[in-house]
Amino acid sequence: MEPIIGILLRNGVTHKDLVAICKQIYVQVASDEFGLRGRQTNLSRVAILTGIDRKEVSRIKESLNNPREGEHNQQHQDRLTRLLSAWHHDPDFCAPGNHPLPLGIEGEQQSFALLVRRYGGDFPASALLKELKRVGVVEDVADGKVIATKRYFVPTQSDPGALLRAGSVISDLGNTLHHNLYKANKQQPLQFERRASNTQMSPDTLAAFREYVEQEGQAFLEKIDAWLSEHEQNDSPGSPTNEFMRMGVGTYLFSHLIEPETPETIPVDANQPEPDKGA
């Protein structure tokens, strides 16, 4: 929890704010996942499970019926990444080898406006271009054209979007762990979740390790992105199904110093005799 609290404090989220958010999540999860015989959990059971009184539970459930800004922002970030990915995959917008082409702003062929119409949903092309330029993933080139410099939309750290993305990453990992701990069965198998780590590494190797992970991790994610693009369901009226899922894989690097053990922290073997204090 310490890293999460650190993020919250650095962004002005007080203990009172966090309590209010946690209350909403407690009520939401208790209502959705702990009902009996497939029904939604009633107020009394939610109050018992969460420790929140029934009147407060009722008020929170009513507020939860309002559209959630977080979902909108996640869809917004996914849509921007989808647009950038298409710029690297769609032959109308990229050269052989998946190299994005410079695009004119307007036009019916090979233009940023056409790219947005295909992959940007109902967002105005001008607003999307301004946002992509602001975060440094699209830049101006000669003849009034623009080109993608990155394949993924990653908000800058100073941007509130970076916090929304961090929350999304934590949510994705947490949902995978929760599924594997409590929901996995024959119909819903375990989600892939693995780590590779070593506790005998010198701090001098960290820079080289970061560079290695950047290269190999990016290559891996690009393979995943290509597979997802290849199997993407067309949302046209003639599509076989109107149901959609968000699928993906997340990767992350971690590193921290291991505190040296002091005599006070080294565990005592109960089978070894204590030293003779009288010696």
C-alpha atoms as a PDB file:
ATOM      1  CA  MET A   1       0.000   0.000   0.000  1.00  0.00           C
ATOM      2  CA  GLU A   2       2.897   2.421   0.597  1.00  0.00           C
ATOM      3  CA  PRO A   3       3.505   3.208  -3.118  1.00  0.00           C
ATOM      4  CA  ILE A   4      -0.207   3.843  -3.623  1.00  0.00           C
ATOM      5  CA  ILE A   5      -0.425   6.139  -0.600  1.00  0.00           C
ATOM      6  CA  GLY A   6       2.670   7.972  -1.854  1.00  0.00           C
ATOM      7  CA  ILE A   7       0.981   8.611  -5.215  1.00  0.00           C
ATOM      8  CA  LEU A   8      -2.190   9.818  -3.491  1.00  0.00           C
ATOM      9  CA  LEU A   9      -0.373  12.192  -1.130  1.00  0.00           C
ATOM     10  CA  ARG A  10       1.657  13.700  -3.964  1.00  0.00           C
ATOM     11  CA  ASN A  11      -1.593  14.503  -5.752  1.00  0.00           C
ATOM     12  CA  GLY A  12      -3.485  16.048  -2.861  1.00  0.00           C
ATOM     13  CA  VAL A  13      -5.685  13.068  -2.021  1.00  0.00           C
ATOM     14  CA  THR A  14      -6.315  13.193   1.725  1.00  0.00           C
ATOM     15  CA  HIS A  15      -7.237  10.369   4.070  1.00  0.00           C
ATOM     16  CA  LYS A  16     -10.825  11.635   4.026  1.00  0.00           C
ATOM     17  CA  ASP A  17     -10.912  11.514   0.213  1.00  0.00           C
ATOM     18  CA  LEU A  18      -9.518   7.976   0.212  1.00  0.00           C
ATOM     19  CA  VAL A  19     -12.079   6.811   2.779  1.00  0.00           C
ATOM     20  CA  ALA A  20     -14.908   8.130   0.580  1.00  0.00           C
ATOM     21  CA  ILE A  21     -13.502   6.329  -2.469  1.00  0.00           C
ATOM     22  CA  CYS A  22     -12.989   3.101  -0.509  1.00  0.00           C
ATOM     23  CA  LYS A  23     -16.570   3.210   0.760  1.00  0.00           C
ATOM     24  CA  GLN A  24     -17.859   3.363  -2.795  1.00  0.00           C
ATOM     25  CA  ILE A  25     -15.668   0.451  -3.889  1.00  0.00           C
ATOM     26  CA  TYR A  26     -16.624  -1.639  -0.844  1.00  0.00           C
ATOM     27  CA  VAL A  27     -20.315  -1.133  -1.585  1.00  0.00           C
ATOM     28  CA  GLN A  28     -19.882  -1.786  -5.295  1.00  0.00           C
ATOM     29  CA  VAL A  29     -17.937  -5.040  -4.835  1.00  0.00           C
ATOM     30  CA  ALA A  30     -20.185  -6.301  -2.050  1.00  0.00           C
ATOM     31  CA  SER A  31     -23.267  -5.559  -4.180  1.00  0.00           C
ATOM     32  CA  ASP A  32     -21.926  -7.175  -7.352  1.00  0.00           C
ATOM     33  CA  GLU A  33     -20.072 -10.219  -6.038  1.00  0.00           C
ATOM     34  CA  PHE A  34     -21.692 -11.386  -2.805  1.00  0.00           C
ATOM     35  CA  GLY A  35     -25.350 -11.802  -3.730  1.00  0.00           C
ATOM     36  CA  LEU A  36     -27.136 -15.073  -3.010  1.00  0.00           C
ATOM     37  CA  ARG A  37     -28.459 -17.347  -5.771  1.00  0.00           C
ATOM     38  CA  GLY A  38     -27.237 -15.040  -8.524  1.00  0.00           C
ATOM     39  CA  ARG A  39     -29.070 -11.967  -7.263  1.00  0.00           C
ATOM     40  CA  GLN A  40     -27.541  -8.630  -6.335  1.00  0.00           C
ATOM     41  CA  THR A  41     -26.709  -8.282  -2.646  1.00  0.00           C
ATOM     42  CA  ASN A  42     -29.432  -6.519  -0.656  1.00  0.00           C
ATOM     43  CA  LEU A  43     -28.787  -3.453   1.499  1.00  0.00           C
ATOM     44  CA  SER A  44     -28.701  -5.311   4.801  1.00  0.00           C
ATOM     45  CA  ARG A  45     -26.151  -7.864   3.616  1.00  0.00           C
ATOM     46  CA  VAL A  46     -23.982  -5.124   2.081  1.00  0.00           C
ATOM     47  CA  ALA A  47     -24.073  -3.249   5.389  1.00  0.00           C
ATOM     48  CA  ILE A  48     -23.045  -6.396   7.295  1.00  0.00           C
ATOM     49  CA  LEU A  49     -20.213  -7.241   4.899  1.00  0.00           C
ATOM     50  CA  THR A  50     -18.790  -3.725   4.693  1.00  0.00           C
ATOM     51  CA  GLY A  51     -19.480  -2.363   8.174  1.00  0.00           C
ATOM     52  CA  ILE A  52     -21.223   0.668   6.636  1.00  0.00           C
ATOM     53  CA  ASP A  53     -24.725   1.495   7.935  1.00  0.00           C
ATOM     54  CA  ARG A  54     -27.722   0.836   5.676  1.00  0.00           C
ATOM     55  CA  LYS A  55     -28.584   4.512   5.120  1.00  0.00           C
ATOM     56  CA  GLU A  56     -25.035   5.244   3.916  1.00  0.00           C
ATOM     57  CA  VAL A  57     -25.061   2.117   1.742  1.00  0.00           C
ATOM     58  CA  SER A  58     -28.268   3.301   0.096  1.00  0.00           C
ATOM     59  CA  ARG A  59     -26.799   6.741  -0.599  1.00  0.00           C
ATOM     60  CA  ILE A  60     -23.603   5.276  -2.051  1.00  0.00           C
ATOM     61  CA  LYS A  61     -25.485   2.812  -4.278  1.00  0.00           C
ATOM     62  CA  GLU A  62     -27.529   5.686  -5.679  1.00  0.00           C
ATOM     63  CA  SER A  63     -24.352   7.649  -6.476  1.00  0.00           C
ATOM     64  CA  LEU A  64     -22.852   4.596  -8.189  1.00  0.00           C
ATOM     65  CA  ASN A  65     -25.627   4.669 -10.774  1.00  0.00           C
ATOM     66  CA  ASN A  66     -24.077   7.813 -12.273  1.00  0.00           C
ATOM     67  CA  PRO A  67     -21.642   7.356 -15.197  1.00  0.00           C
ATOM     68  CA  ARG A  68     -18.075   6.906 -14.003  1.00  0.00           C
ATOM     69  CA  GLU A  69     -15.448   9.238 -15.394  1.00  0.00           C
ATOM     70  CA  GLY A  70     -12.734   6.610 -14.958  1.00  0.00           C
ATOM     71  CA  GLU A  71     -14.284   4.282 -17.521  1.00  0.00           C
ATOM     72  CA  HIS A  72     -14.536   7.118 -20.021  1.00  0.00           C
ATOM     73  CA  ASN A  73     -10.887   8.031 -19.538  1.00  0.00           C
ATOM     74  CA  GLN A  74      -9.758   4.395 -19.891  1.00  0.00           C
ATOM     75  CA  GLN A  75     -11.689   4.090 -23.147  1.00  0.00           C
ATOM     76  CA  HIS A  76     -10.129   7.387 -24.266  1.00  0.00           C
ATOM     77  CA  GLN A  77      -6.585   6.104 -23.620  1.00  0.00           C
ATOM     78  CA  ASP A  78      -7.315   2.762 -25.297  1.00  0.00           C
ATOM     79  CA  ARG A  79      -8.710   4.595 -28.333  1.00  0.00           C
ATOM     80  CA  LEU A  80      -5.589   6.747 -28.680  1.00  0.00           C
ATOM     81  CA  THR A  81      -3.361   3.664 -28.486  1.00  0.00           C
ATOM     82  CA  ARG A  82      -5.609   1.947 -31.062  1.00  0.00           C
ATOM     83  CA  LEU A  83      -5.209   4.916 -33.395  1.00  0.00           C
ATOM     84  CA  LEU A  84      -1.404   4.928 -33.046  1.00  0.00           C
ATOM     85  CA  SER A  85      -1.302   1.160 -33.520  1.00  0.00           C
ATOM     86  CA  ALA A  86      -3.331   1.459 -36.727  1.00  0.00           C
ATOM     87  CA  TRP A  87      -0.893   4.115 -37.940  1.00  0.00           C
ATOM     88  CA  HIS A  88       1.774   1.381 -37.708  1.00  0.00           C
ATOM     89  CA  HIS A  89      -0.366  -1.490 -39.094  1.00  0.00           C
ATOM     90  CA  ASP A  90      -2.941  -0.267 -41.599  1.00  0.00           C
ATOM     91  CA  PRO A  91      -1.292  -0.256 -45.072  1.00  0.00           C
ATOM     92  CA  ASP A  92      -3.231   2.908 -45.913  1.00  0.00           C
ATOM     93  CA  PHE A  93      -1.211   4.751 -43.258  1.00  0.00           C
ATOM     94  CA  CYS A  94       2.118   2.900 -43.030  1.00  0.00           C
ATOM     95  CA  ALA A  95       4.977   1.820 -45.261  1.00  0.00           C
ATOM     96  CA  PRO A  96       6.293  -1.754 -45.536  1.00  0.00           C
ATOM     97  CA  GLY A  97       7.867  -2.833 -42.273  1.00  0.00           C
ATOM     98  CA  ASN A  98       5.127  -1.116 -40.238  1.00  0.00           C
ATOM     99  CA  HIS A  99       6.713   2.340 -40.474  1.00  0.00           C
ATOM    100  CA  PRO A 100       4.133   5.124 -40.064  1.00  0.00           C
ATOM    101  CA  LEU A 101       3.755   7.456 -43.039  1.00  0.00           C
ATOM    102  CA  PRO A 102       3.627  11.262 -42.793  1.00  0.00           C
ATOM    103  CA  LEU A 103      -0.025  12.253 -43.086  1.00  0.00           C
ATOM    104  CA  GLY A 104      -1.678  15.447 -44.187  1.00  0.00           C
ATOM    105  CA  ILE A 105      -4.113  16.882 -41.660  1.00  0.00           C
ATOM    106  CA  GLU A 106      -7.157  16.832 -43.923  1.00  0.00           C
ATOM    107  CA  GLY A 107      -8.159  14.821 -46.979  1.00  0.00           C
ATOM    108  CA  GLU A 108      -9.956  11.674 -48.076  1.00  0.00           C
ATOM    109  CA  GLN A 109      -6.799   9.607 -48.641  1.00  0.00           C
ATOM    110  CA  GLN A 110      -3.766   9.081 -46.391  1.00  0.00           C
ATOM    111  CA  SER A 111      -4.743  11.837 -43.990  1.00  0.00           C
ATOM    112  CA  PHE A 112      -4.886  12.146 -40.222  1.00  0.00           C
ATOM    113  CA  ALA A 113      -8.580  12.998 -40.517  1.00  0.00           C
ATOM    114  CA  LEU A 114      -9.234   9.671 -42.299  1.00  0.00           C
ATOM    115  CA  LEU A 115      -7.204   7.806 -39.673  1.00  0.00           C
ATOM    116  CA  VAL A 116      -9.349   9.344 -36.936  1.00  0.00           C
ATOM    117  CA  ARG A 117     -12.583   8.504 -38.759  1.00  0.00           C
ATOM    118  CA  ARG A 118     -11.523   4.863 -38.930  1.00  0.00           C
ATOM    119  CA  TYR A 119      -9.990   4.405 -35.504  1.00  0.00           C
ATOM    120  CA  GLY A 120     -10.660   7.446 -33.330  1.00  0.00           C
ATOM    121  CA  GLY A 121     -14.354   7.046 -32.672  1.00  0.00           C
ATOM    122  CA  ASP A 122     -16.365  10.232 -32.265  1.00  0.00           C
ATOM    123  CA  PHE A 123     -13.474  12.412 -31.071  1.00  0.00           C
ATOM    124  CA  PRO A 124     -12.740  15.479 -33.242  1.00  0.00           C
ATOM    125  CA  ALA A 125      -9.553  15.019 -35.275  1.00  0.00           C
ATOM    126  CA  SER A 126      -8.221  18.434 -34.219  1.00  0.00           C
ATOM    127  CA  ALA A 127      -8.624  17.633 -30.514  1.00  0.00           C
ATOM    128  CA  LEU A 128      -6.933  14.244 -30.902  1.00  0.00           C
ATOM    129  CA  LEU A 129      -4.034  15.738 -32.859  1.00  0.00           C
ATOM    130  CA  LYS A 130      -3.526  18.445 -30.241  1.00  0.00           C
ATOM    131  CA  GLU A 131      -3.466  15.859 -27.442  1.00  0.00           C
ATOM    132  CA  LEU A 132      -1.093  13.517 -29.286  1.00  0.00           C
ATOM    133  CA  LYS A 133       1.287  16.381 -30.023  1.00  0.00           C
ATOM    134  CA  ARG A 134       1.132  17.614 -26.441  1.00  0.00           C
ATOM    135  CA  VAL A 135       2.288  14.268 -25.021  1.00  0.00           C
ATOM    136  CA  GLY A 136       4.988  13.887 -27.677  1.00  0.00           C
ATOM    137  CA  VAL A 137       3.773  10.879 -29.672  1.00  0.00           C
ATOM    138  CA  VAL A 138       3.024  12.839 -32.859  1.00  0.00           C
ATOM    139  CA  GLU A 139       5.115  15.634 -34.353  1.00  0.00           C
ATOM    140  CA  ASP A 140       5.057  17.994 -37.341  1.00  0.00           C
ATOM    141  CA  VAL A 141       7.163  17.251 -40.421  1.00  0.00           C
ATOM    142  CA  ALA A 142       7.653  18.921 -43.805  1.00  0.00           C
ATOM    143  CA  ASP A 143       4.804  20.044 -46.089  1.00  0.00           C
ATOM    144  CA  GLY A 144       2.391  20.542 -43.202  1.00  0.00           C
ATOM    145  CA  LYS A 145       2.185  16.830 -42.424  1.00  0.00           C
ATOM    146  CA  VAL A 146       2.366  14.949 -39.124  1.00  0.00           C
ATOM    147  CA  ILE A 147       3.881  11.604 -38.184  1.00  0.00           C
ATOM    148  CA  ALA A 148       3.633   9.223 -35.229  1.00  0.00           C
ATOM    149  CA  THR A 149       6.842   8.952 -33.197  1.00  0.00           C
ATOM    150  CA  LYS A 150       5.599   6.239 -30.857  1.00  0.00           C
ATOM    151  CA  ARG A 151       3.317   3.268 -31.116  1.00  0.00           C
ATOM    152  CA  TYR A 152       1.574   3.701 -27.763  1.00  0.00           C
ATOM    153  CA  PHE A 153      -0.106   6.579 -25.989  1.00  0.00           C
ATOM    154  CA  VAL A 154       1.708   7.153 -22.681  1.00  0.00           C
ATOM    155  CA  PRO A 155       0.770  10.350 -20.798  1.00  0.00           C
ATOM    156  CA  THR A 156       3.566  12.431 -19.322  1.00  0.00           C
ATOM    157  CA  GLN A 157       4.142  12.062 -15.570  1.00  0.00           C
ATOM    158  CA  SER A 158       2.987  15.609 -14.893  1.00  0.00           C
ATOM    159  CA  ASP A 159      -0.293  14.950 -16.684  1.00  0.00           C
ATOM    160  CA  PRO A 160      -3.393  13.737 -14.828  1.00  0.00           C
ATOM    161  CA  GLY A 161      -3.686  11.164 -17.597  1.00  0.00           C
ATOM    162  CA  ALA A 162      -0.513   9.538 -16.248  1.00  0.00           C
ATOM    163  CA  LEU A 163      -2.282   8.965 -12.938  1.00  0.00           C
ATOM    164  CA  LEU A 164      -5.319   7.517 -14.691  1.00  0.00           C
ATOM    165  CA  ARG A 165      -3.030   5.177 -16.619  1.00  0.00           C
ATOM    166  CA  ALA A 166      -1.249   4.146 -13.393  1.00  0.00           C
ATOM    167  CA  GLY A 167      -4.615   3.394 -11.823  1.00  0.00           C
ATOM    168  CA  SER A 168      -5.575   1.341 -14.862  1.00  0.00           C
ATOM    169  CA  VAL A 169      -2.325  -0.663 -14.637  1.00  0.00           C
ATOM    170  CA  ILE A 170      -2.881  -1.368 -10.929  1.00  0.00           C
ATOM    171  CA  SER A 171      -6.482  -2.318 -11.674  1.00  0.00           C
ATOM    172  CA  ASP A 172      -5.503  -4.719 -14.461  1.00  0.00           C
ATOM    173  CA  LEU A 173      -2.908  -6.475 -12.287  1.00  0.00           C
ATOM    174  CA  GLY A 174      -5.237  -6.543  -9.279  1.00  0.00           C
ATOM    175  CA  ASN A 175      -8.080  -8.021 -11.346  1.00  0.00           C
ATOM    176  CA  THR A 176      -5.783 -10.768 -12.628  1.00  0.00           C
ATOM    177  CA  LEU A 177      -4.621 -11.649  -9.100  1.00  0.00           C
ATOM    178  CA  HIS A 178      -8.186 -11.542  -7.768  1.00  0.00           C
ATOM    179  CA  HIS A 179      -9.397 -13.805 -10.572  1.00  0.00           C
ATOM    180  CA  ASN A 180      -6.610 -16.342  -9.973  1.00  0.00           C
ATOM    181  CA  LEU A 181      -7.172 -16.383  -6.211  1.00  0.00           C
ATOM    182  CA  TYR A 182     -10.968 -16.558  -6.074  1.00  0.00           C
ATOM    183  CA  LYS A 183     -12.635 -16.959  -9.475  1.00  0.00           C
ATOM    184  CA  ALA A 184     -10.602 -19.423 -11.534  1.00  0.00           C
ATOM    185  CA  ASN A 185     -12.338 -22.699 -12.410  1.00  0.00           C
ATOM    186  CA  LYS A 186     -12.727 -25.066 -15.349  1.00  0.00           C
ATOM    187  CA  GLN A 187     -14.831 -22.542 -17.257  1.00  0.00           C
ATOM    188  CA  GLN A 188     -12.565 -19.594 -16.321  1.00  0.00           C
ATOM    189  CA  PRO A 189      -8.961 -20.835 -16.196  1.00  0.00           C
ATOM    190  CA  LEU A 190      -6.116 -19.046 -14.471  1.00  0.00           C
ATOM    191  CA  GLN A 191      -4.926 -15.843 -16.149  1.00  0.00           C
ATOM    192  CA  PHE A 192      -1.229 -15.808 -17.092  1.00  0.00           C
ATOM    193  CA  GLU A 193       0.822 -14.104 -14.348  1.00  0.00           C
ATOM    194  CA  ARG A 194       4.554 -14.675 -13.947  1.00  0.00           C
ATOM    195  CA  ARG A 195       7.651 -12.935 -12.601  1.00  0.00           C
ATOM    196  CA  ALA A 196      11.369 -13.343 -13.137  1.00  0.00           C
ATOM    197  CA  SER A 197      13.623 -11.915 -10.409  1.00  0.00           C
ATOM    198  CA  ASN A 198      16.966 -12.388  -8.712  1.00  0.00           C
ATOM    199  CA  THR A 199      18.031 -11.146  -5.267  1.00  0.00           C
ATOM    200  CA  GLN A 200      21.781 -11.414  -5.921  1.00  0.00           C
ATOM    201  CA  MET A 201      22.150  -8.543  -8.397  1.00  0.00           C
ATOM    202  CA  SER A 202      24.651  -5.690  -8.161  1.00  0.00           C
ATOM    203  CA  PRO A 203      23.211  -2.156  -8.404  1.00  0.00           C
ATOM    204  CA  ASP A 204      25.812  -1.569 -11.127  1.00  0.00           C
ATOM    205  CA  THR A 205      23.811  -3.807 -13.485  1.00  0.00           C
ATOM    206  CA  LEU A 206      20.552  -1.837 -13.165  1.00  0.00           C
ATOM    207  CA  ALA A 207      21.155   0.480 -16.129  1.00  0.00           C
ATOM    208  CA  ALA A 208      22.007  -2.432 -18.434  1.00  0.00           C
ATOM    209  CA  PHE A 209      18.993  -4.377 -17.164  1.00  0.00           C
ATOM    210  CA  ARG A 210      16.701  -1.408 -17.856  1.00  0.00           C
ATOM    211  CA  GLU A 211      18.011  -1.133 -21.404  1.00  0.00           C
ATOM    212  CA  TYR A 212      17.578  -4.872 -21.971  1.00  0.00           C
ATOM    213  CA  VAL A 213      14.006  -4.858 -20.661  1.00  0.00           C
ATOM    214  CA  GLU A 214      13.126  -1.772 -22.740  1.00  0.00           C
ATOM    215  CA  GLN A 215      14.255  -3.530 -25.920  1.00  0.00           C
ATOM    216  CA  GLU A 216      12.923  -7.020 -25.258  1.00  0.00           C
ATOM    217  CA  GLY A 217       9.750  -5.832 -23.532  1.00  0.00           C
ATOM    218  CA  GLN A 218       8.862  -3.467 -26.375  1.00  0.00           C
ATOM    219  CA  ALA A 219       9.474  -6.200 -28.948  1.00  0.00           C
ATOM    220  CA  PHE A 220       7.239  -8.582 -26.983  1.00  0.00           C
ATOM    221  CA  LEU A 221       4.440  -6.022 -26.642  1.00  0.00           C
ATOM    222  CA  GLU A 222       4.584  -5.237 -30.347  1.00  0.00           C
ATOM    223  CA  LYS A 223       4.049  -8.936 -31.089  1.00  0.00           C
ATOM    224  CA  ILE A 224       1.062  -8.946 -28.731  1.00  0.00           C
ATOM    225  CA  ASP A 225      -0.298  -5.780 -30.352  1.00  0.00           C
ATOM    226  CA  ALA A 226       0.054  -7.300 -33.823  1.00  0.00           C
ATOM    227  CA  TRP A 227      -1.837 -10.426 -32.724  1.00  0.00           C
ATOM    228  CA  LEU A 228      -4.623  -8.345 -31.176  1.00  0.00           C
ATOM    229  CA  SER A 229      -4.902  -6.208 -34.308  1.00  0.00           C
ATOM    230  CA  GLU A 230      -5.064  -9.313 -36.502  1.00  0.00           C
ATOM    231  CA  HIS A 231      -7.912 -10.797 -34.438  1.00  0.00           C
ATOM    232  CA  GLU A 232      -9.762  -7.541 -33.773  1.00  0.00           C
ATOM    233  CA  GLN A 233     -13.540  -7.822 -34.181  1.00  0.00           C
ATOM    234  CA  ASN A 234     -15.037  -5.455 -36.715  1.00  0.00           C
ATOM    235  CA  ASP A 235     -17.791  -3.352 -35.117  1.00  0.00           C
ATOM    236  CA  SER A 236     -19.737  -2.968 -38.352  1.00  0.00           C
ATOM    237  CA  PRO A 237     -23.464  -3.920 -38.424  1.00  0.00           C
ATOM    238  CA  GLY A 238     -22.649  -7.198 -40.210  1.00  0.00           C
ATOM    239  CA  SER A 239     -20.269  -8.443 -37.518  1.00  0.00           C
ATOM    240  CA  PRO A 240     -20.947 -11.948 -36.120  1.00  0.00           C
ATOM    241  CA  THR A 241     -21.360 -10.619 -32.575  1.00  0.00           C
ATOM    242  CA  ASN A 242     -22.038  -7.355 -30.779  1.00  0.00           C
ATOM    243  CA  GLU A 243     -20.136  -8.476 -27.665  1.00  0.00           C
ATOM    244  CA  PHE A 244     -16.641  -7.122 -27.059  1.00  0.00           C
ATOM    245  CA  MET A 245     -13.910  -7.727 -24.485  1.00  0.00           C
ATOM    246  CA  ARG A 246     -10.864  -5.732 -23.534  1.00  0.00           C
ATOM    247  CA  MET A 247      -7.835  -8.060 -23.684  1.00  0.00           C
ATOM    248  CA  GLY A 248      -4.162  -7.372 -23.239  1.00  0.00           C
ATOM    249  CA  VAL A 249      -0.891  -8.104 -21.484  1.00  0.00           C
ATOM    250  CA  GLY A 250       1.014  -5.787 -19.148  1.00  0.00           C
ATOM    251  CA  THR A 251       4.748  -5.803 -18.411  1.00  0.00           C
ATOM    252  CA  TYR A 252       6.663  -3.870 -15.767  1.00  0.00           C
ATOM    253  CA  LEU A 253      10.164  -3.644 -14.317  1.00  0.00           C
ATOM    254  CA  PHE A 254      10.825  -3.536 -10.585  1.00  0.00           C
ATOM    255  CA  SER A 255      13.979  -2.973  -8.544  1.00  0.00           C
ATOM    256  CA  HIS A 256      14.779  -2.122  -4.932  1.00  0.00           C
ATOM    257  CA  LEU A 257      17.712  -2.377  -2.569  1.00  0.00           C
ATOM    258  CA  ILE A 258      17.770  -5.238  -0.104  1.00  0.00           C
ATOM    259  CA  GLU A 259      18.521  -4.000   3.388  1.00  0.00           C
ATOM    260  CA  PRO A 260      21.490  -5.842   4.958  1.00  0.00           C
ATOM    261  CA  GLU A 261      20.583  -7.999   7.895  1.00  0.00           C
ATOM    262  CA  THR A 262      21.746  -6.827  11.293  1.00  0.00           C
ATOM    263  CA  PRO A 263      22.348  -9.152  14.260  1.00  0.00           C
ATOM    264  CA  GLU A 264      18.964  -8.082  15.647  1.00  0.00           C
ATOM    265  CA  THR A 265      17.136  -9.116  12.444  1.00  0.00           C
ATOM    266  CA  ILE A 266      18.910 -12.433  11.803  1.00  0.00           C
ATOM    267  CA  PRO A 267      16.506 -15.182  12.958  1.00  0.00           C
ATOM    268  CA  VAL A 268      17.762 -17.399  15.778  1.00  0.00           C
ATOM    269  CA  ASP A 269      17.724 -21.137  15.121  1.00  0.00           C
ATOM    270  CA  ALA A 270      15.733 -22.627  17.971  1.00  0.00           C
ATOM    271  CA  ASN A 271      17.751 -25.841  17.710  1.00  0.00           C
ATOM    272  CA  GLN A 272      21.080 -24.110  18.328  1.00  0.00           C
ATOM    273  CA  PRO A 273      22.168 -23.569  21.946  1.00  0.00           C
ATOM    274  CA  GLU A 274      22.398 -19.956  23.055  1.00  0.00           C
ATOM    275  CA  PRO A 275      25.915 -18.667  23.804  1.00  0.00           C
ATOM    276  CA  ASP A 276      27.084 -19.002  27.365  1.00  0.00           C
ATOM    277  CA  LYS A 277      26.422 -15.565  28.818  1.00  0.00           C
ATOM    278  CA  GLY A 278      28.774 -16.254  31.665  1.00  0.00           C
ATOM    279  CA  ALA A 279      31.751 -16.828  29.410  1.00  0.00           C
END
